[in-house]
Amino acid sequence: MLDPAADYHNLGAFYEATAGRLDDPADLLFTAEADVSGWSVAQHLYHILRANASTLKAAYRLGTATPPLPAQGDPTREAMIVLRRGRLPKGAQAPASVRPPPDLDLDGLRASHRMSQRMLDRVEPLLPTILTLHGHLPHPLLGPLTAAQWLAFTRIHTAHHEAIIRQIEAAQAAPPL
């Protein structure tokens, strides 16, 4: 069952927590824990923020297109599994457009946070009617998604990487053996 208000609320909490994380010491943000992930906390945050900007833009476009965008088929079986279970499988390769650059710095991360937060803010006015929007825009792997499905996918993808970030932070906090 899609719950756009809850998805929006959870994403808002992520953006608030991320704003605080951007004040963490650079060594905690930019150091990878190879046993957990090849990416650092900062790289995961950048990836989430860039991906969210794109996925939220899809939801926004579906909610503001004039005339409304048409329905164009159904999501893939994999998409329905992801949306129903509320989680992503591990190991998917991020598209180049949302991979962190090798020279990622705090200024770039802050800029990505602001840009992505603005996209979330633009989606908020759509919440009262988002479930009535039947148009679709295609996801490269999941097929055509409605605005509410794009919002749910954004929350699911964010939670997936937040879990990895928590694992990295736990590894950083663990005393050395």
C-alpha atoms as a PDB file:
ATOM      1  CA  MET A   1       0.000   0.000   0.000  1.00  0.00           C
ATOM      2  CA  LEU A   2       1.395   3.369  -0.999  1.00  0.00           C
ATOM      3  CA  ASP A   3       1.491   6.034   1.726  1.00  0.00           C
ATOM      4  CA  PRO A   4       2.815   9.249   0.170  1.00  0.00           C
ATOM      5  CA  ALA A   5       2.456  11.303   3.366  1.00  0.00           C
ATOM      6  CA  ALA A   6       4.572   8.803   5.305  1.00  0.00           C
ATOM      7  CA  ASP A   7       7.104   8.605   2.466  1.00  0.00           C
ATOM      8  CA  TYR A   8       7.375  12.396   2.425  1.00  0.00           C
ATOM      9  CA  HIS A   9       7.721  12.539   6.219  1.00  0.00           C
ATOM     10  CA  ASN A  10      10.486   9.893   6.199  1.00  0.00           C
ATOM     11  CA  LEU A  11      12.336  11.728   3.444  1.00  0.00           C
ATOM     12  CA  GLY A  12      12.025  14.991   5.369  1.00  0.00           C
ATOM     13  CA  ALA A  13      13.604  13.311   8.395  1.00  0.00           C
ATOM     14  CA  PHE A  14      16.462  12.084   6.189  1.00  0.00           C
ATOM     15  CA  TYR A  15      17.134  15.605   4.886  1.00  0.00           C
ATOM     16  CA  GLU A  16      17.093  17.018   8.417  1.00  0.00           C
ATOM     17  CA  ALA A  17      19.488  14.328   9.663  1.00  0.00           C
ATOM     18  CA  THR A  18      21.738  14.859   6.656  1.00  0.00           C
ATOM     19  CA  ALA A  19      21.954  18.590   7.357  1.00  0.00           C
ATOM     20  CA  GLY A  20      23.326  17.695  10.799  1.00  0.00           C
ATOM     21  CA  ARG A  21      25.671  15.051   9.389  1.00  0.00           C
ATOM     22  CA  LEU A  22      27.289  17.655   7.164  1.00  0.00           C
ATOM     23  CA  ASP A  23      28.815  19.113  10.325  1.00  0.00           C
ATOM     24  CA  ASP A  24      30.499  15.808  11.250  1.00  0.00           C
ATOM     25  CA  PRO A  25      34.297  15.654  11.182  1.00  0.00           C
ATOM     26  CA  ALA A  26      35.668  15.203   7.651  1.00  0.00           C
ATOM     27  CA  ASP A  27      37.480  11.986   8.560  1.00  0.00           C
ATOM     28  CA  LEU A  28      34.169  10.372   9.551  1.00  0.00           C
ATOM     29  CA  LEU A  29      32.390  11.634   6.452  1.00  0.00           C
ATOM     30  CA  PHE A  30      35.056  10.883   3.875  1.00  0.00           C
ATOM     31  CA  THR A  31      36.628   7.633   5.129  1.00  0.00           C
ATOM     32  CA  ALA A  32      35.344   4.400   3.616  1.00  0.00           C
ATOM     33  CA  GLU A  33      35.042   1.213   5.644  1.00  0.00           C
ATOM     34  CA  ALA A  34      36.012  -1.421   3.079  1.00  0.00           C
ATOM     35  CA  ASP A  35      34.415  -4.241   5.093  1.00  0.00           C
ATOM     36  CA  VAL A  36      31.048  -2.477   4.711  1.00  0.00           C
ATOM     37  CA  SER A  37      31.202  -0.530   1.438  1.00  0.00           C
ATOM     38  CA  GLY A  38      33.648   0.888  -1.073  1.00  0.00           C
ATOM     39  CA  TRP A  39      31.997   4.276  -0.540  1.00  0.00           C
ATOM     40  CA  SER A  40      32.322   6.618   2.426  1.00  0.00           C
ATOM     41  CA  VAL A  41      29.373   8.170   4.263  1.00  0.00           C
ATOM     42  CA  ALA A  42      29.828  11.320   2.160  1.00  0.00           C
ATOM     43  CA  GLN A  43      29.772   9.317  -1.065  1.00  0.00           C
ATOM     44  CA  HIS A  44      26.583   7.489  -0.039  1.00  0.00           C
ATOM     45  CA  LEU A  45      24.970  10.797   0.917  1.00  0.00           C
ATOM     46  CA  TYR A  46      25.950  12.352  -2.404  1.00  0.00           C
ATOM     47  CA  HIS A  47      24.535   9.364  -4.267  1.00  0.00           C
ATOM     48  CA  ILE A  48      21.254   9.484  -2.329  1.00  0.00           C
ATOM     49  CA  LEU A  49      20.896  13.223  -2.839  1.00  0.00           C
ATOM     50  CA  ARG A  50      21.604  13.105  -6.578  1.00  0.00           C
ATOM     51  CA  ALA A  51      19.347  10.100  -7.115  1.00  0.00           C
ATOM     52  CA  ASN A  52      16.588  11.681  -5.026  1.00  0.00           C
ATOM     53  CA  ALA A  53      16.762  14.892  -7.034  1.00  0.00           C
ATOM     54  CA  SER A  54      16.069  12.833 -10.163  1.00  0.00           C
ATOM     55  CA  THR A  55      13.361  10.606  -8.717  1.00  0.00           C
ATOM     56  CA  LEU A  56      11.581  13.483  -6.999  1.00  0.00           C
ATOM     57  CA  LYS A  57      11.741  15.442 -10.257  1.00  0.00           C
ATOM     58  CA  ALA A  58       9.894  12.567 -11.945  1.00  0.00           C
ATOM     59  CA  ALA A  59       7.152  12.695  -9.294  1.00  0.00           C
ATOM     60  CA  TYR A  60       6.961  16.482  -9.632  1.00  0.00           C
ATOM     61  CA  ARG A  61       6.719  16.329 -13.422  1.00  0.00           C
ATOM     62  CA  LEU A  62       3.897  13.809 -13.176  1.00  0.00           C
ATOM     63  CA  GLY A  63       2.044  16.077 -10.775  1.00  0.00           C
ATOM     64  CA  THR A  64       2.448  19.294 -12.718  1.00  0.00           C
ATOM     65  CA  ALA A  65       2.402  18.290 -16.392  1.00  0.00           C
ATOM     66  CA  THR A  66      -0.223  20.049 -18.476  1.00  0.00           C
ATOM     67  CA  PRO A  67      -1.857  18.172 -19.964  1.00  0.00           C
ATOM     68  CA  PRO A  68      -1.322  15.281 -17.519  1.00  0.00           C
ATOM     69  CA  LEU A  69       1.114  12.655 -18.696  1.00  0.00           C
ATOM     70  CA  PRO A  70      -0.562   9.438 -19.880  1.00  0.00           C
ATOM     71  CA  ALA A  71      -0.443   6.019 -18.285  1.00  0.00           C
ATOM     72  CA  GLN A  72       2.082   3.922 -20.215  1.00  0.00           C
ATOM     73  CA  GLY A  73       1.970   0.337 -19.062  1.00  0.00           C
ATOM     74  CA  ASP A  74       2.772  -1.193 -15.733  1.00  0.00           C
ATOM     75  CA  PRO A  75       5.842  -1.313 -13.534  1.00  0.00           C
ATOM     76  CA  THR A  76       8.006  -4.401 -13.918  1.00  0.00           C
ATOM     77  CA  ARG A  77       7.542  -7.407 -11.658  1.00  0.00           C
ATOM     78  CA  GLU A  78      10.768  -6.378  -9.885  1.00  0.00           C
ATOM     79  CA  ALA A  79       9.350  -2.895  -9.261  1.00  0.00           C
ATOM     80  CA  MET A  80       6.217  -4.330  -7.704  1.00  0.00           C
ATOM     81  CA  ILE A  81       8.320  -6.541  -5.424  1.00  0.00           C
ATOM     82  CA  VAL A  82      10.465  -3.566  -4.354  1.00  0.00           C
ATOM     83  CA  LEU A  83       7.405  -1.381  -3.717  1.00  0.00           C
ATOM     84  CA  ARG A  84       5.534  -4.130  -1.840  1.00  0.00           C
ATOM     85  CA  ARG A  85       8.493  -5.177   0.329  1.00  0.00           C
ATOM     86  CA  GLY A  86       9.752  -1.634   0.823  1.00  0.00           C
ATOM     87  CA  ARG A  87      13.396  -2.539   0.279  1.00  0.00           C
ATOM     88  CA  LEU A  88      15.965  -2.868  -2.456  1.00  0.00           C
ATOM     89  CA  PRO A  89      18.169  -5.870  -3.069  1.00  0.00           C
ATOM     90  CA  LYS A  90      21.883  -5.268  -2.505  1.00  0.00           C
ATOM     91  CA  GLY A  91      24.404  -5.050  -5.270  1.00  0.00           C
ATOM     92  CA  ALA A  92      22.758  -2.891  -7.933  1.00  0.00           C
ATOM     93  CA  GLN A  93      25.177  -0.688  -9.843  1.00  0.00           C
ATOM     94  CA  ALA A  94      24.477   3.041  -9.611  1.00  0.00           C
ATOM     95  CA  PRO A  95      24.131   4.871 -12.927  1.00  0.00           C
ATOM     96  CA  ALA A  96      27.087   7.132 -13.723  1.00  0.00           C
ATOM     97  CA  SER A  97      24.927  10.259 -13.345  1.00  0.00           C
ATOM     98  CA  VAL A  98      24.430   9.629  -9.614  1.00  0.00           C
ATOM     99  CA  ARG A  99      27.843   8.215  -8.684  1.00  0.00           C
ATOM    100  CA  PRO A 100      29.982  10.410  -6.469  1.00  0.00           C
ATOM    101  CA  PRO A 101      32.831  12.182  -8.261  1.00  0.00           C
ATOM    102  CA  PRO A 102      36.385  11.287  -7.235  1.00  0.00           C
ATOM    103  CA  ASP A 103      36.966  14.850  -6.007  1.00  0.00           C
ATOM    104  CA  LEU A 104      33.826  15.050  -3.844  1.00  0.00           C
ATOM    105  CA  ASP A 105      34.184  17.657  -1.115  1.00  0.00           C
ATOM    106  CA  LEU A 106      31.974  19.134   1.569  1.00  0.00           C
ATOM    107  CA  ASP A 107      30.939  22.091  -0.620  1.00  0.00           C
ATOM    108  CA  GLY A 108      29.733  19.716  -3.357  1.00  0.00           C
ATOM    109  CA  LEU A 109      27.880  17.628  -0.807  1.00  0.00           C
ATOM    110  CA  ARG A 110      26.193  20.708   0.686  1.00  0.00           C
ATOM    111  CA  ALA A 111      25.184  21.923  -2.790  1.00  0.00           C
ATOM    112  CA  SER A 112      23.684  18.513  -3.591  1.00  0.00           C
ATOM    113  CA  HIS A 113      21.773  18.589  -0.303  1.00  0.00           C
ATOM    114  CA  ARG A 114      20.283  22.014  -1.094  1.00  0.00           C
ATOM    115  CA  MET A 115      19.318  21.022  -4.644  1.00  0.00           C
ATOM    116  CA  SER A 116      17.736  17.751  -3.565  1.00  0.00           C
ATOM    117  CA  GLN A 117      15.920  19.382  -0.625  1.00  0.00           C
ATOM    118  CA  ARG A 118      14.387  21.879  -3.050  1.00  0.00           C
ATOM    119  CA  MET A 119      13.014  19.005  -5.145  1.00  0.00           C
ATOM    120  CA  LEU A 120      11.458  17.423  -2.054  1.00  0.00           C
ATOM    121  CA  ASP A 121       9.904  20.772  -1.148  1.00  0.00           C
ATOM    122  CA  ARG A 122       8.408  21.028  -4.646  1.00  0.00           C
ATOM    123  CA  VAL A 123       6.684  17.655  -4.199  1.00  0.00           C
ATOM    124  CA  GLU A 124       4.932  18.582  -0.943  1.00  0.00           C
ATOM    125  CA  PRO A 125       2.000  20.460  -2.568  1.00  0.00           C
ATOM    126  CA  LEU A 126       1.254  17.356  -4.655  1.00  0.00           C
ATOM    127  CA  LEU A 127       0.631  15.126  -1.626  1.00  0.00           C
ATOM    128  CA  PRO A 128      -3.154  15.680  -1.367  1.00  0.00           C
ATOM    129  CA  THR A 129      -3.707  14.441  -4.935  1.00  0.00           C
ATOM    130  CA  ILE A 130      -0.647  12.314  -5.673  1.00  0.00           C
ATOM    131  CA  LEU A 131      -2.559   9.026  -5.459  1.00  0.00           C
ATOM    132  CA  THR A 132      -4.973  10.239  -8.144  1.00  0.00           C
ATOM    133  CA  LEU A 133      -2.200  10.899 -10.671  1.00  0.00           C
ATOM    134  CA  HIS A 134      -2.239   8.031 -13.147  1.00  0.00           C
ATOM    135  CA  GLY A 135       0.440   9.147 -15.586  1.00  0.00           C
ATOM    136  CA  HIS A 136       3.758   7.311 -15.747  1.00  0.00           C
ATOM    137  CA  LEU A 137       7.401   8.105 -16.334  1.00  0.00           C
ATOM    138  CA  PRO A 138       9.832   5.240 -16.920  1.00  0.00           C
ATOM    139  CA  HIS A 139      12.514   4.191 -14.457  1.00  0.00           C
ATOM    140  CA  PRO A 140      15.449   2.605 -16.312  1.00  0.00           C
ATOM    141  CA  LEU A 141      15.140  -0.703 -14.412  1.00  0.00           C
ATOM    142  CA  LEU A 142      11.687  -0.668 -12.855  1.00  0.00           C
ATOM    143  CA  GLY A 143       9.606   0.440 -15.812  1.00  0.00           C
ATOM    144  CA  PRO A 144       6.815   3.028 -15.797  1.00  0.00           C
ATOM    145  CA  LEU A 145       6.020   4.465 -12.361  1.00  0.00           C
ATOM    146  CA  THR A 146       3.304   6.819 -11.140  1.00  0.00           C
ATOM    147  CA  ALA A 147       4.138   9.890  -9.041  1.00  0.00           C
ATOM    148  CA  ALA A 148       3.227   8.036  -5.823  1.00  0.00           C
ATOM    149  CA  GLN A 149       5.397   5.084  -6.870  1.00  0.00           C
ATOM    150  CA  TRP A 150       8.315   7.429  -7.622  1.00  0.00           C
ATOM    151  CA  LEU A 151       7.951   8.944  -4.144  1.00  0.00           C
ATOM    152  CA  ALA A 152       7.817   5.489  -2.543  1.00  0.00           C
ATOM    153  CA  PHE A 153      10.855   4.371  -4.533  1.00  0.00           C
ATOM    154  CA  THR A 154      12.731   7.498  -3.395  1.00  0.00           C
ATOM    155  CA  ARG A 155      12.034   6.621   0.240  1.00  0.00           C
ATOM    156  CA  ILE A 156      13.002   2.960  -0.284  1.00  0.00           C
ATOM    157  CA  HIS A 157      16.259   3.852  -2.052  1.00  0.00           C
ATOM    158  CA  THR A 158      17.101   6.380   0.668  1.00  0.00           C
ATOM    159  CA  ALA A 159      16.459   3.836   3.436  1.00  0.00           C
ATOM    160  CA  HIS A 160      18.638   1.295   1.621  1.00  0.00           C
ATOM    161  CA  HIS A 161      21.632   3.632   1.686  1.00  0.00           C
ATOM    162  CA  GLU A 162      20.869   4.941   5.179  1.00  0.00           C
ATOM    163  CA  ALA A 163      21.244   1.358   6.446  1.00  0.00           C
ATOM    164  CA  ILE A 164      24.658   1.131   4.780  1.00  0.00           C
ATOM    165  CA  ILE A 165      25.638   4.495   6.284  1.00  0.00           C
ATOM    166  CA  ARG A 166      24.676   3.224   9.758  1.00  0.00           C
ATOM    167  CA  GLN A 167      26.892   0.173   9.185  1.00  0.00           C
ATOM    168  CA  ILE A 168      29.804   2.410   8.160  1.00  0.00           C
ATOM    169  CA  GLU A 169      29.300   4.620  11.215  1.00  0.00           C
ATOM    170  CA  ALA A 170      29.159   1.560  13.497  1.00  0.00           C
ATOM    171  CA  ALA A 171      32.388   0.255  11.997  1.00  0.00           C
ATOM    172  CA  GLN A 172      34.042   3.654  12.534  1.00  0.00           C
ATOM    173  CA  ALA A 173      32.904   3.720  16.153  1.00  0.00           C
ATOM    174  CA  ALA A 174      34.038   0.169  16.923  1.00  0.00           C
ATOM    175  CA  PRO A 175      37.277  -0.072  18.905  1.00  0.00           C
ATOM    176  CA  PRO A 176      40.180  -1.473  16.867  1.00  0.00           C
ATOM    177  CA  LEU A 177      41.002  -5.126  17.439  1.00  0.00           C
END
